[in-house]
Amino acid sequence: MKGEKNMREIRIENGVIVYYGSRAGQIRDGCAVIDPMFQVGELTEYLERQKDIRMIRIEKGVYERLMNARSMEENQQALKKIRVWQLKPDVDVQMKFVPYDTLMRKFGPPDIENYEKVFDGTVDTNDLEDLFEKFNMDWPSGYTGHSLSISDVLELYDEQGSEFYYVDAVGFRQVEFASQQLSMRPSQAM
């Protein structure tokens, strides 16, 4: 009876390790990668009993990445294309490399007129943290910008539209990304 309960409370669904309802880690190439907060005997014992898991590795941030990831069904859909936007060389230097709150306080929201596109293509992920790493360490072909930094904007897009993410001091902030002149026109017409 106890073993049956553990099977329901600890399980692997589509490569994600679920521990009492929380996404504790994932399976990557025969390796179970779990967040340190789930480093408990019960989970370790369960994973050691799985014949397709050769190794267990502890990695900070796994829980957060999994919780921020889209649903498992969305993750299985085709990858969106990526555009990377970086501030133009001639913009006010005080706009560069600043957290979102500072930008908003001093200049307002990010304005596409101040940015230039330094990449437009596909990569092997749509995970924001993975994209940050890729555009810092393993630049894809066609990338012409500097290492991804605070104040840059990532655009994920497909035929349904675009999502924009400001690279903040910690993590990302989803933003509207359009010319302030264009966004002000409708209200001026009233």
N, C-alpha and C. Protein backbone atom coordinates (compact mmCIF):
# COMPACT_ATOMS: atom_id res chain seq x y z
N MET A 1 0.82 -1.19 0.00
CA MET A 1 0.00 0.00 0.00
C MET A 1 0.87 1.27 0.00
N LYS A 2 1.93 1.26 0.82
CA LYS A 2 2.81 2.41 0.88
C LYS A 2 3.48 2.65 -0.47
N GLY A 3 3.92 1.61 -1.15
CA GLY A 3 4.53 1.73 -2.47
C GLY A 3 3.59 2.32 -3.49
N GLU A 4 2.30 1.95 -3.41
CA GLU A 4 1.30 2.51 -4.33
C GLU A 4 1.14 4.00 -4.11
N LYS A 5 1.14 4.43 -2.86
CA LYS A 5 1.00 5.86 -2.57
C LYS A 5 2.18 6.62 -3.15
N ASN A 6 3.40 6.10 -2.97
CA ASN A 6 4.58 6.77 -3.50
C ASN A 6 4.53 6.89 -5.01
N MET A 7 3.99 5.88 -5.68
CA MET A 7 3.89 5.94 -7.15
C MET A 7 2.98 7.08 -7.58
N ARG A 8 1.94 7.36 -6.81
CA ARG A 8 1.05 8.46 -7.17
C ARG A 8 1.65 9.81 -6.77
N GLU A 9 2.36 9.85 -5.64
CA GLU A 9 2.90 11.10 -5.13
C GLU A 9 4.20 11.50 -5.80
N ILE A 10 4.96 10.52 -6.25
CA ILE A 10 6.21 10.77 -6.98
C ILE A 10 6.08 10.05 -8.32
N ARG A 11 6.22 10.82 -9.39
CA ARG A 11 6.06 10.22 -10.71
C ARG A 11 6.85 11.04 -11.74
N ILE A 12 6.97 10.47 -12.91
CA ILE A 12 7.63 11.15 -14.03
C ILE A 12 6.60 11.26 -15.14
N GLU A 13 6.31 12.51 -15.54
CA GLU A 13 5.34 12.77 -16.61
C GLU A 13 6.02 13.54 -17.73
N ASN A 14 6.12 12.93 -18.88
CA ASN A 14 6.72 13.58 -20.05
C ASN A 14 8.09 14.18 -19.73
N GLY A 15 8.90 13.45 -18.99
CA GLY A 15 10.25 13.89 -18.67
C GLY A 15 10.36 14.82 -17.47
N VAL A 16 9.22 15.18 -16.86
CA VAL A 16 9.23 16.06 -15.69
C VAL A 16 9.01 15.21 -14.44
N ILE A 17 9.86 15.42 -13.43
CA ILE A 17 9.74 14.71 -12.16
C ILE A 17 8.75 15.48 -11.29
N VAL A 18 7.66 14.81 -10.92
CA VAL A 18 6.62 15.44 -10.10
C VAL A 18 6.71 14.84 -8.70
N TYR A 19 6.90 15.70 -7.70
CA TYR A 19 7.03 15.27 -6.31
C TYR A 19 5.91 15.92 -5.51
N TYR A 20 4.90 15.14 -5.14
CA TYR A 20 3.74 15.63 -4.38
C TYR A 20 3.14 16.87 -5.05
N GLY A 21 2.98 16.81 -6.35
CA GLY A 21 2.33 17.88 -7.09
C GLY A 21 3.25 19.00 -7.57
N SER A 22 4.50 19.02 -7.14
CA SER A 22 5.44 20.07 -7.55
C SER A 22 6.40 19.53 -8.60
N ARG A 23 6.73 20.37 -9.55
CA ARG A 23 7.70 20.01 -10.58
C ARG A 23 9.09 20.12 -9.97
N ALA A 24 9.65 18.99 -9.56
CA ALA A 24 10.90 18.96 -8.81
C ALA A 24 12.13 18.90 -9.69
N GLY A 25 11.97 18.43 -10.91
CA GLY A 25 13.12 18.27 -11.79
C GLY A 25 12.70 17.69 -13.12
N GLN A 26 13.69 17.29 -13.89
CA GLN A 26 13.39 16.70 -15.18
C GLN A 26 14.46 15.68 -15.56
N ILE A 27 14.11 14.86 -16.51
CA ILE A 27 15.03 13.84 -17.00
C ILE A 27 15.65 14.36 -18.29
N ARG A 28 16.99 14.37 -18.34
CA ARG A 28 17.72 14.80 -19.53
C ARG A 28 18.75 13.73 -19.87
N ASP A 29 18.58 13.07 -20.98
CA ASP A 29 19.54 12.07 -21.46
C ASP A 29 19.94 11.07 -20.38
N GLY A 30 18.97 10.52 -19.69
CA GLY A 30 19.24 9.51 -18.68
C GLY A 30 19.71 10.05 -17.34
N CYS A 31 19.71 11.36 -17.20
CA CYS A 31 20.14 12.00 -15.97
C CYS A 31 18.94 12.71 -15.34
N ALA A 32 18.69 12.44 -14.07
CA ALA A 32 17.64 13.15 -13.34
C ALA A 32 18.25 14.42 -12.77
N VAL A 33 17.72 15.57 -13.18
CA VAL A 33 18.22 16.86 -12.71
C VAL A 33 17.15 17.43 -11.80
N ILE A 34 17.48 17.59 -10.51
CA ILE A 34 16.49 18.07 -9.55
C ILE A 34 16.98 19.32 -8.84
N ASP A 35 16.03 20.11 -8.40
CA ASP A 35 16.32 21.33 -7.66
C ASP A 35 16.77 20.95 -6.24
N PRO A 36 17.71 21.70 -5.65
CA PRO A 36 18.20 21.37 -4.31
C PRO A 36 17.11 21.28 -3.24
N MET A 37 16.02 22.04 -3.40
CA MET A 37 14.98 21.99 -2.38
C MET A 37 14.24 20.66 -2.36
N PHE A 38 14.44 19.83 -3.37
CA PHE A 38 13.81 18.51 -3.42
C PHE A 38 14.82 17.39 -3.18
N GLN A 39 15.96 17.73 -2.63
CA GLN A 39 17.00 16.75 -2.34
C GLN A 39 16.64 16.04 -1.03
N VAL A 40 15.70 15.10 -1.14
CA VAL A 40 15.22 14.34 0.01
C VAL A 40 15.34 12.85 -0.30
N GLY A 41 15.50 12.08 0.76
CA GLY A 41 15.71 10.65 0.61
C GLY A 41 14.63 9.94 -0.18
N GLU A 42 13.37 10.28 0.07
CA GLU A 42 12.25 9.61 -0.60
C GLU A 42 12.33 9.77 -2.12
N LEU A 43 12.63 10.99 -2.58
CA LEU A 43 12.72 11.23 -4.02
C LEU A 43 13.97 10.56 -4.60
N THR A 44 15.08 10.67 -3.90
CA THR A 44 16.32 10.05 -4.37
C THR A 44 16.14 8.54 -4.52
N GLU A 45 15.53 7.91 -3.52
CA GLU A 45 15.29 6.47 -3.59
C GLU A 45 14.41 6.11 -4.77
N TYR A 46 13.36 6.88 -5.01
CA TYR A 46 12.47 6.64 -6.14
C TYR A 46 13.26 6.72 -7.45
N LEU A 47 14.07 7.75 -7.60
CA LEU A 47 14.82 7.95 -8.84
C LEU A 47 15.86 6.85 -9.04
N GLU A 48 16.50 6.41 -7.95
CA GLU A 48 17.49 5.35 -8.05
C GLU A 48 16.87 4.03 -8.51
N ARG A 49 15.57 3.83 -8.25
CA ARG A 49 14.88 2.61 -8.68
C ARG A 49 14.48 2.64 -10.15
N GLN A 50 14.54 3.78 -10.81
CA GLN A 50 14.14 3.88 -12.21
C GLN A 50 15.28 3.37 -13.09
N LYS A 51 15.01 2.35 -13.88
CA LYS A 51 16.07 1.71 -14.67
C LYS A 51 16.63 2.60 -15.77
N ASP A 52 15.86 3.60 -16.26
CA ASP A 52 16.36 4.45 -17.35
C ASP A 52 17.12 5.69 -16.83
N ILE A 53 17.27 5.82 -15.51
CA ILE A 53 18.02 6.94 -14.94
C ILE A 53 19.38 6.43 -14.48
N ARG A 54 20.44 6.95 -15.12
CA ARG A 54 21.80 6.52 -14.80
C ARG A 54 22.46 7.37 -13.72
N MET A 55 21.97 8.63 -13.57
CA MET A 55 22.64 9.56 -12.68
C MET A 55 21.64 10.57 -12.14
N ILE A 56 21.88 11.07 -10.93
CA ILE A 56 21.06 12.13 -10.34
C ILE A 56 21.97 13.32 -10.11
N ARG A 57 21.54 14.49 -10.61
CA ARG A 57 22.33 15.71 -10.46
C ARG A 57 21.47 16.79 -9.80
N ILE A 58 22.05 17.56 -8.91
CA ILE A 58 21.36 18.67 -8.24
C ILE A 58 21.75 19.95 -8.98
N GLU A 59 20.74 20.77 -9.31
CA GLU A 59 21.01 22.00 -10.05
C GLU A 59 20.07 23.11 -9.57
N LYS A 60 20.65 24.21 -9.14
CA LYS A 60 19.84 25.36 -8.68
C LYS A 60 19.00 25.90 -9.83
N GLY A 61 17.80 26.37 -9.52
CA GLY A 61 16.95 27.03 -10.50
C GLY A 61 16.05 26.12 -11.31
N VAL A 62 16.18 24.81 -11.15
CA VAL A 62 15.36 23.88 -11.93
C VAL A 62 13.88 24.07 -11.61
N TYR A 63 13.55 24.15 -10.33
CA TYR A 63 12.14 24.31 -9.93
C TYR A 63 11.55 25.58 -10.53
N GLU A 64 12.27 26.68 -10.42
CA GLU A 64 11.77 27.95 -10.95
C GLU A 64 11.56 27.89 -12.46
N ARG A 65 12.52 27.31 -13.18
CA ARG A 65 12.38 27.20 -14.63
C ARG A 65 11.16 26.37 -15.00
N LEU A 66 10.98 25.26 -14.29
CA LEU A 66 9.85 24.40 -14.61
C LEU A 66 8.52 25.07 -14.26
N MET A 67 8.48 25.81 -13.17
CA MET A 67 7.24 26.48 -12.78
C MET A 67 6.90 27.61 -13.75
N ASN A 68 7.91 28.23 -14.33
CA ASN A 68 7.67 29.32 -15.27
C ASN A 68 7.44 28.82 -16.70
N ALA A 69 7.74 27.56 -16.92
CA ALA A 69 7.56 27.00 -18.26
C ALA A 69 6.08 26.90 -18.61
N ARG A 70 5.79 26.93 -19.86
CA ARG A 70 4.41 26.74 -20.31
C ARG A 70 3.97 25.32 -20.01
N SER A 71 2.72 25.06 -20.15
CA SER A 71 2.19 23.71 -19.90
C SER A 71 2.93 22.71 -20.78
N MET A 72 2.91 21.46 -20.38
CA MET A 72 3.64 20.42 -21.13
C MET A 72 3.17 20.33 -22.57
N GLU A 73 1.89 20.55 -22.81
CA GLU A 73 1.37 20.49 -24.17
C GLU A 73 1.96 21.60 -25.02
N GLU A 74 2.07 22.81 -24.48
CA GLU A 74 2.62 23.92 -25.23
C GLU A 74 4.09 23.70 -25.52
N ASN A 75 4.82 23.07 -24.57
CA ASN A 75 6.24 22.81 -24.77
C ASN A 75 6.47 21.85 -25.93
N GLN A 76 5.47 21.02 -26.24
CA GLN A 76 5.63 20.05 -27.31
C GLN A 76 5.30 20.65 -28.68
N GLN A 77 4.74 21.85 -28.70
CA GLN A 77 4.41 22.49 -29.97
C GLN A 77 5.70 23.00 -30.63
N ALA A 78 5.56 23.43 -31.88
CA ALA A 78 6.71 23.94 -32.62
C ALA A 78 7.29 25.16 -31.90
N LEU A 79 8.61 25.30 -31.99
CA LEU A 79 9.29 26.42 -31.37
C LEU A 79 8.93 27.72 -32.08
N LYS A 80 8.85 28.78 -31.30
CA LYS A 80 8.64 30.10 -31.89
C LYS A 80 9.98 30.62 -32.40
N LYS A 81 9.90 31.57 -33.31
CA LYS A 81 11.11 32.23 -33.79
C LYS A 81 11.52 33.27 -32.74
N ILE A 82 12.78 33.67 -32.81
CA ILE A 82 13.35 34.59 -31.83
C ILE A 82 13.91 35.81 -32.53
N ARG A 83 13.62 36.98 -31.97
CA ARG A 83 14.32 38.20 -32.36
C ARG A 83 14.96 38.76 -31.11
N VAL A 84 16.18 39.25 -31.25
CA VAL A 84 16.86 39.92 -30.14
C VAL A 84 17.00 41.38 -30.53
N TRP A 85 16.55 42.26 -29.63
CA TRP A 85 16.60 43.70 -29.83
C TRP A 85 17.56 44.30 -28.81
N GLN A 86 18.49 45.14 -29.30
CA GLN A 86 19.41 45.83 -28.40
C GLN A 86 19.39 47.31 -28.71
N LEU A 87 19.65 48.10 -27.67
CA LEU A 87 19.62 49.56 -27.83
C LEU A 87 20.63 50.02 -28.88
N LYS A 88 20.21 50.99 -29.68
CA LYS A 88 21.08 51.54 -30.71
C LYS A 88 22.26 52.26 -30.05
N PRO A 89 23.38 52.33 -30.74
CA PRO A 89 24.57 52.98 -30.15
C PRO A 89 24.36 54.45 -29.78
N ASP A 90 23.47 55.15 -30.50
CA ASP A 90 23.33 56.59 -30.27
C ASP A 90 22.25 56.97 -29.26
N VAL A 91 21.61 56.00 -28.57
CA VAL A 91 20.60 56.38 -27.57
C VAL A 91 21.29 56.87 -26.31
N ASP A 92 20.54 57.59 -25.48
CA ASP A 92 21.04 58.10 -24.21
C ASP A 92 21.70 56.96 -23.43
N VAL A 93 22.95 57.14 -23.07
CA VAL A 93 23.71 56.09 -22.39
C VAL A 93 23.05 55.68 -21.07
N GLN A 94 22.26 56.56 -20.47
CA GLN A 94 21.60 56.23 -19.21
C GLN A 94 20.47 55.22 -19.39
N MET A 95 20.08 54.94 -20.63
CA MET A 95 19.07 53.91 -20.91
C MET A 95 19.68 52.51 -20.94
N LYS A 96 20.98 52.45 -21.14
CA LYS A 96 21.64 51.17 -21.37
C LYS A 96 21.95 50.46 -20.06
N PHE A 97 21.70 49.17 -20.07
CA PHE A 97 22.07 48.28 -18.96
C PHE A 97 21.42 48.69 -17.64
N VAL A 98 20.15 49.11 -17.71
CA VAL A 98 19.43 49.50 -16.49
C VAL A 98 18.25 48.57 -16.24
N PRO A 99 17.93 48.33 -14.97
CA PRO A 99 16.75 47.52 -14.65
C PRO A 99 15.48 48.19 -15.19
N TYR A 100 14.46 47.39 -15.38
CA TYR A 100 13.20 47.86 -15.94
C TYR A 100 12.60 49.03 -15.15
N ASP A 101 12.58 48.91 -13.82
CA ASP A 101 11.99 49.97 -12.99
C ASP A 101 12.71 51.30 -13.18
N THR A 102 14.02 51.26 -13.32
CA THR A 102 14.79 52.48 -13.56
C THR A 102 14.46 53.07 -14.92
N LEU A 103 14.37 52.21 -15.93
CA LEU A 103 14.01 52.67 -17.28
C LEU A 103 12.64 53.35 -17.25
N MET A 104 11.67 52.71 -16.59
CA MET A 104 10.31 53.26 -16.52
C MET A 104 10.31 54.63 -15.82
N ARG A 105 11.05 54.73 -14.73
CA ARG A 105 11.07 55.98 -13.94
C ARG A 105 11.71 57.12 -14.73
N LYS A 106 12.79 56.83 -15.46
CA LYS A 106 13.53 57.89 -16.14
C LYS A 106 13.08 58.15 -17.57
N PHE A 107 12.63 57.08 -18.29
CA PHE A 107 12.38 57.23 -19.72
C PHE A 107 11.04 56.68 -20.19
N GLY A 108 10.33 55.96 -19.34
CA GLY A 108 9.10 55.31 -19.77
C GLY A 108 9.40 53.92 -20.30
N PRO A 109 8.38 53.26 -20.86
CA PRO A 109 8.56 51.87 -21.31
C PRO A 109 9.54 51.77 -22.48
N PRO A 110 10.07 50.57 -22.70
CA PRO A 110 10.98 50.38 -23.84
C PRO A 110 10.28 50.76 -25.15
N ASP A 111 10.97 51.51 -25.97
CA ASP A 111 10.42 52.01 -27.23
C ASP A 111 11.22 51.39 -28.38
N ILE A 112 10.54 50.71 -29.27
CA ILE A 112 11.20 50.02 -30.38
C ILE A 112 12.04 50.98 -31.24
N GLU A 113 11.68 52.24 -31.23
CA GLU A 113 12.44 53.24 -32.00
C GLU A 113 13.88 53.38 -31.49
N ASN A 114 14.13 53.00 -30.24
CA ASN A 114 15.47 53.10 -29.65
C ASN A 114 16.29 51.82 -29.83
N TYR A 115 15.71 50.82 -30.43
CA TYR A 115 16.35 49.51 -30.53
C TYR A 115 16.64 49.13 -31.98
N GLU A 116 17.60 48.22 -32.12
CA GLU A 116 17.87 47.62 -33.41
C GLU A 116 17.84 46.11 -33.26
N LYS A 117 17.43 45.44 -34.32
CA LYS A 117 17.35 43.98 -34.32
C LYS A 117 18.74 43.43 -34.60
N VAL A 118 19.22 42.53 -33.69
CA VAL A 118 20.55 41.96 -33.87
C VAL A 118 20.49 40.45 -34.14
N PHE A 119 19.26 39.89 -34.11
CA PHE A 119 19.09 38.48 -34.45
C PHE A 119 17.63 38.25 -34.80
N ASP A 120 17.41 37.42 -35.81
CA ASP A 120 16.07 37.00 -36.20
C ASP A 120 16.20 35.59 -36.76
N GLY A 121 15.75 34.62 -35.98
CA GLY A 121 15.87 33.24 -36.44
C GLY A 121 15.32 32.26 -35.43
N THR A 122 15.72 31.03 -35.55
CA THR A 122 15.27 30.00 -34.62
C THR A 122 16.47 29.43 -33.87
N VAL A 123 16.20 29.01 -32.66
CA VAL A 123 17.17 28.27 -31.87
C VAL A 123 16.44 27.07 -31.27
N ASP A 124 17.13 26.25 -30.53
CA ASP A 124 16.54 24.99 -30.07
C ASP A 124 15.70 25.09 -28.80
N THR A 125 15.34 26.30 -28.39
CA THR A 125 14.55 26.46 -27.17
C THR A 125 13.74 27.75 -27.21
N ASN A 126 12.70 27.80 -26.42
CA ASN A 126 11.96 29.03 -26.18
C ASN A 126 12.00 29.39 -24.70
N ASP A 127 12.75 28.63 -23.90
CA ASP A 127 12.89 28.90 -22.48
C ASP A 127 13.76 30.15 -22.31
N LEU A 128 13.26 31.15 -21.60
CA LEU A 128 13.96 32.43 -21.49
C LEU A 128 15.34 32.29 -20.85
N GLU A 129 15.44 31.49 -19.79
CA GLU A 129 16.75 31.30 -19.14
C GLU A 129 17.73 30.62 -20.09
N ASP A 130 17.25 29.64 -20.84
CA ASP A 130 18.11 28.96 -21.81
C ASP A 130 18.53 29.91 -22.93
N LEU A 131 17.62 30.78 -23.35
CA LEU A 131 17.95 31.77 -24.38
C LEU A 131 19.00 32.74 -23.86
N PHE A 132 18.86 33.16 -22.60
CA PHE A 132 19.85 34.07 -22.01
C PHE A 132 21.24 33.43 -22.07
N GLU A 133 21.31 32.17 -21.69
CA GLU A 133 22.59 31.47 -21.72
C GLU A 133 23.12 31.34 -23.14
N LYS A 134 22.24 30.99 -24.07
CA LYS A 134 22.65 30.80 -25.46
C LYS A 134 23.21 32.10 -26.05
N PHE A 135 22.56 33.22 -25.78
CA PHE A 135 23.01 34.48 -26.36
C PHE A 135 24.13 35.13 -25.53
N ASN A 136 24.66 34.37 -24.57
CA ASN A 136 25.83 34.81 -23.83
C ASN A 136 27.03 33.91 -24.08
N MET A 137 26.78 32.64 -24.37
CA MET A 137 27.89 31.69 -24.44
C MET A 137 28.01 30.97 -25.78
N ASP A 138 26.93 30.78 -26.47
CA ASP A 138 26.92 29.94 -27.68
C ASP A 138 26.12 30.65 -28.76
N TRP A 139 26.62 31.78 -29.21
CA TRP A 139 25.88 32.61 -30.14
C TRP A 139 25.51 31.83 -31.39
N PRO A 140 24.23 31.88 -31.77
CA PRO A 140 23.83 31.20 -33.00
C PRO A 140 24.31 31.98 -34.23
N SER A 141 24.37 31.29 -35.34
CA SER A 141 24.78 31.90 -36.59
C SER A 141 23.85 33.07 -36.92
N GLY A 142 24.41 34.17 -37.32
CA GLY A 142 23.61 35.34 -37.68
C GLY A 142 23.43 36.34 -36.55
N TYR A 143 23.91 36.03 -35.36
CA TYR A 143 23.78 36.95 -34.22
C TYR A 143 24.85 38.02 -34.33
N THR A 144 24.46 39.30 -34.33
CA THR A 144 25.40 40.40 -34.52
C THR A 144 25.53 41.32 -33.32
N GLY A 145 24.89 40.97 -32.20
CA GLY A 145 24.91 41.84 -31.03
C GLY A 145 25.97 41.46 -30.02
N HIS A 146 25.95 42.20 -28.89
CA HIS A 146 26.82 41.88 -27.76
C HIS A 146 26.13 40.80 -26.92
N SER A 147 26.81 40.27 -25.92
CA SER A 147 26.19 39.28 -25.04
C SER A 147 24.89 39.85 -24.49
N LEU A 148 23.87 39.02 -24.42
CA LEU A 148 22.56 39.45 -23.93
C LEU A 148 22.71 40.05 -22.54
N SER A 149 22.14 41.24 -22.34
CA SER A 149 22.34 41.98 -21.10
C SER A 149 21.06 42.69 -20.68
N ILE A 150 21.11 43.24 -19.48
CA ILE A 150 20.00 44.06 -18.98
C ILE A 150 19.72 45.15 -20.01
N SER A 151 18.46 45.40 -20.26
CA SER A 151 17.91 46.41 -21.19
C SER A 151 17.66 45.85 -22.59
N ASP A 152 18.15 44.64 -22.89
CA ASP A 152 17.84 44.02 -24.18
C ASP A 152 16.42 43.48 -24.14
N VAL A 153 15.85 43.24 -25.30
CA VAL A 153 14.49 42.70 -25.40
C VAL A 153 14.52 41.45 -26.26
N LEU A 154 13.92 40.37 -25.73
CA LEU A 154 13.75 39.13 -26.48
C LEU A 154 12.32 39.11 -27.02
N GLU A 155 12.18 38.79 -28.28
CA GLU A 155 10.85 38.64 -28.89
C GLU A 155 10.69 37.19 -29.32
N LEU A 156 9.63 36.55 -28.85
CA LEU A 156 9.26 35.21 -29.30
C LEU A 156 8.03 35.40 -30.17
N TYR A 157 8.06 34.89 -31.41
CA TYR A 157 6.94 35.16 -32.30
C TYR A 157 6.62 33.97 -33.20
N ASP A 158 5.38 33.95 -33.63
CA ASP A 158 4.90 32.98 -34.62
C ASP A 158 3.74 33.65 -35.35
N GLU A 159 2.98 32.86 -36.12
CA GLU A 159 1.89 33.44 -36.90
C GLU A 159 0.78 34.03 -36.03
N GLN A 160 0.71 33.65 -34.75
CA GLN A 160 -0.30 34.20 -33.84
C GLN A 160 0.10 35.55 -33.26
N GLY A 161 1.37 35.93 -33.35
CA GLY A 161 1.80 37.21 -32.82
C GLY A 161 3.12 37.11 -32.08
N SER A 162 3.42 38.16 -31.31
CA SER A 162 4.71 38.27 -30.63
C SER A 162 4.52 38.45 -29.13
N GLU A 163 5.51 37.95 -28.38
CA GLU A 163 5.63 38.22 -26.95
C GLU A 163 7.00 38.84 -26.76
N PHE A 164 7.07 39.90 -25.93
CA PHE A 164 8.32 40.61 -25.72
C PHE A 164 8.72 40.51 -24.26
N TYR A 165 10.03 40.29 -24.02
CA TYR A 165 10.55 40.15 -22.67
C TYR A 165 11.78 41.03 -22.49
N TYR A 166 11.68 41.97 -21.57
CA TYR A 166 12.79 42.85 -21.21
C TYR A 166 13.73 42.07 -20.30
N VAL A 167 15.03 42.09 -20.61
CA VAL A 167 16.00 41.44 -19.75
C VAL A 167 16.23 42.36 -18.56
N ASP A 168 15.76 41.93 -17.39
CA ASP A 168 15.81 42.75 -16.18
C ASP A 168 17.02 42.38 -15.34
N ALA A 169 17.21 43.08 -14.23
CA ALA A 169 18.34 42.80 -13.34
C ALA A 169 18.31 41.36 -12.86
N VAL A 170 17.10 40.85 -12.60
CA VAL A 170 16.93 39.45 -12.23
C VAL A 170 15.77 38.92 -13.07
N GLY A 171 16.04 38.04 -13.98
CA GLY A 171 14.99 37.43 -14.78
C GLY A 171 14.53 38.33 -15.92
N PHE A 172 13.25 38.19 -16.26
CA PHE A 172 12.68 38.86 -17.41
C PHE A 172 11.36 39.50 -17.02
N ARG A 173 10.98 40.54 -17.74
CA ARG A 173 9.71 41.20 -17.52
C ARG A 173 8.99 41.26 -18.86
N GLN A 174 7.78 40.67 -18.93
CA GLN A 174 7.03 40.74 -20.18
C GLN A 174 6.58 42.19 -20.38
N VAL A 175 6.77 42.71 -21.58
CA VAL A 175 6.48 44.12 -21.86
C VAL A 175 5.73 44.26 -23.18
N GLU A 176 5.10 45.40 -23.31
CA GLU A 176 4.60 45.84 -24.61
C GLU A 176 5.82 46.49 -25.28
N PHE A 177 5.95 46.31 -26.57
CA PHE A 177 7.14 46.83 -27.23
C PHE A 177 6.72 47.44 -28.55
N ALA A 178 6.43 48.71 -28.52
CA ALA A 178 6.01 49.42 -29.72
C ALA A 178 6.51 50.85 -29.61
N SER A 179 6.46 51.55 -30.69
CA SER A 179 6.85 52.94 -30.67
C SER A 179 5.90 53.72 -29.77
N GLN A 180 6.45 54.54 -28.90
CA GLN A 180 5.60 55.35 -28.03
C GLN A 180 4.77 56.32 -28.87
N GLN A 181 5.32 56.77 -30.00
CA GLN A 181 4.56 57.66 -30.88
C GLN A 181 3.34 56.94 -31.43
N LEU A 182 3.49 55.69 -31.85
CA LEU A 182 2.36 54.92 -32.39
C LEU A 182 1.34 54.64 -31.30
N SER A 183 1.81 54.29 -30.09
CA SER A 183 0.87 53.94 -29.03
C SER A 183 0.13 55.18 -28.51
N MET A 184 0.67 56.38 -28.74
CA MET A 184 0.01 57.59 -28.27
C MET A 184 -1.01 58.11 -29.29
N ARG A 185 -0.90 57.76 -30.54
CA ARG A 185 -1.78 58.30 -31.58
C ARG A 185 -3.27 58.10 -31.31
N PRO A 186 -3.74 56.88 -30.96
CA PRO A 186 -5.17 56.71 -30.76
C PRO A 186 -5.74 57.63 -29.68
N SER A 187 -5.01 57.82 -28.56
CA SER A 187 -5.52 58.67 -27.50
C SER A 187 -5.52 60.14 -27.91
N GLN A 188 -4.59 60.53 -28.79
CA GLN A 188 -4.55 61.92 -29.26
C GLN A 188 -5.71 62.20 -30.21
N ALA A 189 -6.21 61.16 -30.86
CA ALA A 189 -7.28 61.36 -31.84
C ALA A 189 -8.61 61.64 -31.14
N MET A 190 -8.72 61.25 -29.86
CA MET A 190 -9.99 61.43 -29.15
C MET A 190 -10.26 62.84 -28.77
